[in-house]
């Protein structure tokens, strides 16, 4: 298993992995645009993440095959004191889950964030996605709020 920084040559790989993430999350959020990952907006998102020297974008590979990724960007909260890195997206391909890859991605991402001077990490997970919530809690994340949404 190798975890490496993503490069501009990896944009299509990142888009494909993000597409799997959206498909996985459709059961928690039927409002997701499944085509977003491969759209110009999806491509632009990853280009900007890779161009931002303060962002972290990593790919996990098994025998040269991409099996996961994580993307994190700085987040400012005017009402909070610490410098935050927000984990925007993380996906591990279904056949490679529960093998420690997600934990390795998080660990490496947070190590880089600390080196960049960030003091806290933030992540969102769908409330009903108990697997993700439990994963993050096992990694030391704590619940601090809950988002609510209503159809109009």
Foldseek 3Di string as FASTA:
>chain_A
DDKDFDALVCLVVVLVQVLVVQVVCCVLPVPDDSCCSVDPNNSVVVVVQNVDPLKTKMFDDDPNHTFKIWIWAWDDDPVDDFTEIETEDIGGHPVCPPVCPRVVRVVVRVVVNVVVPGDYYHYDDRPPPVVVVVVVVVVPDDDDDDDDDDDD
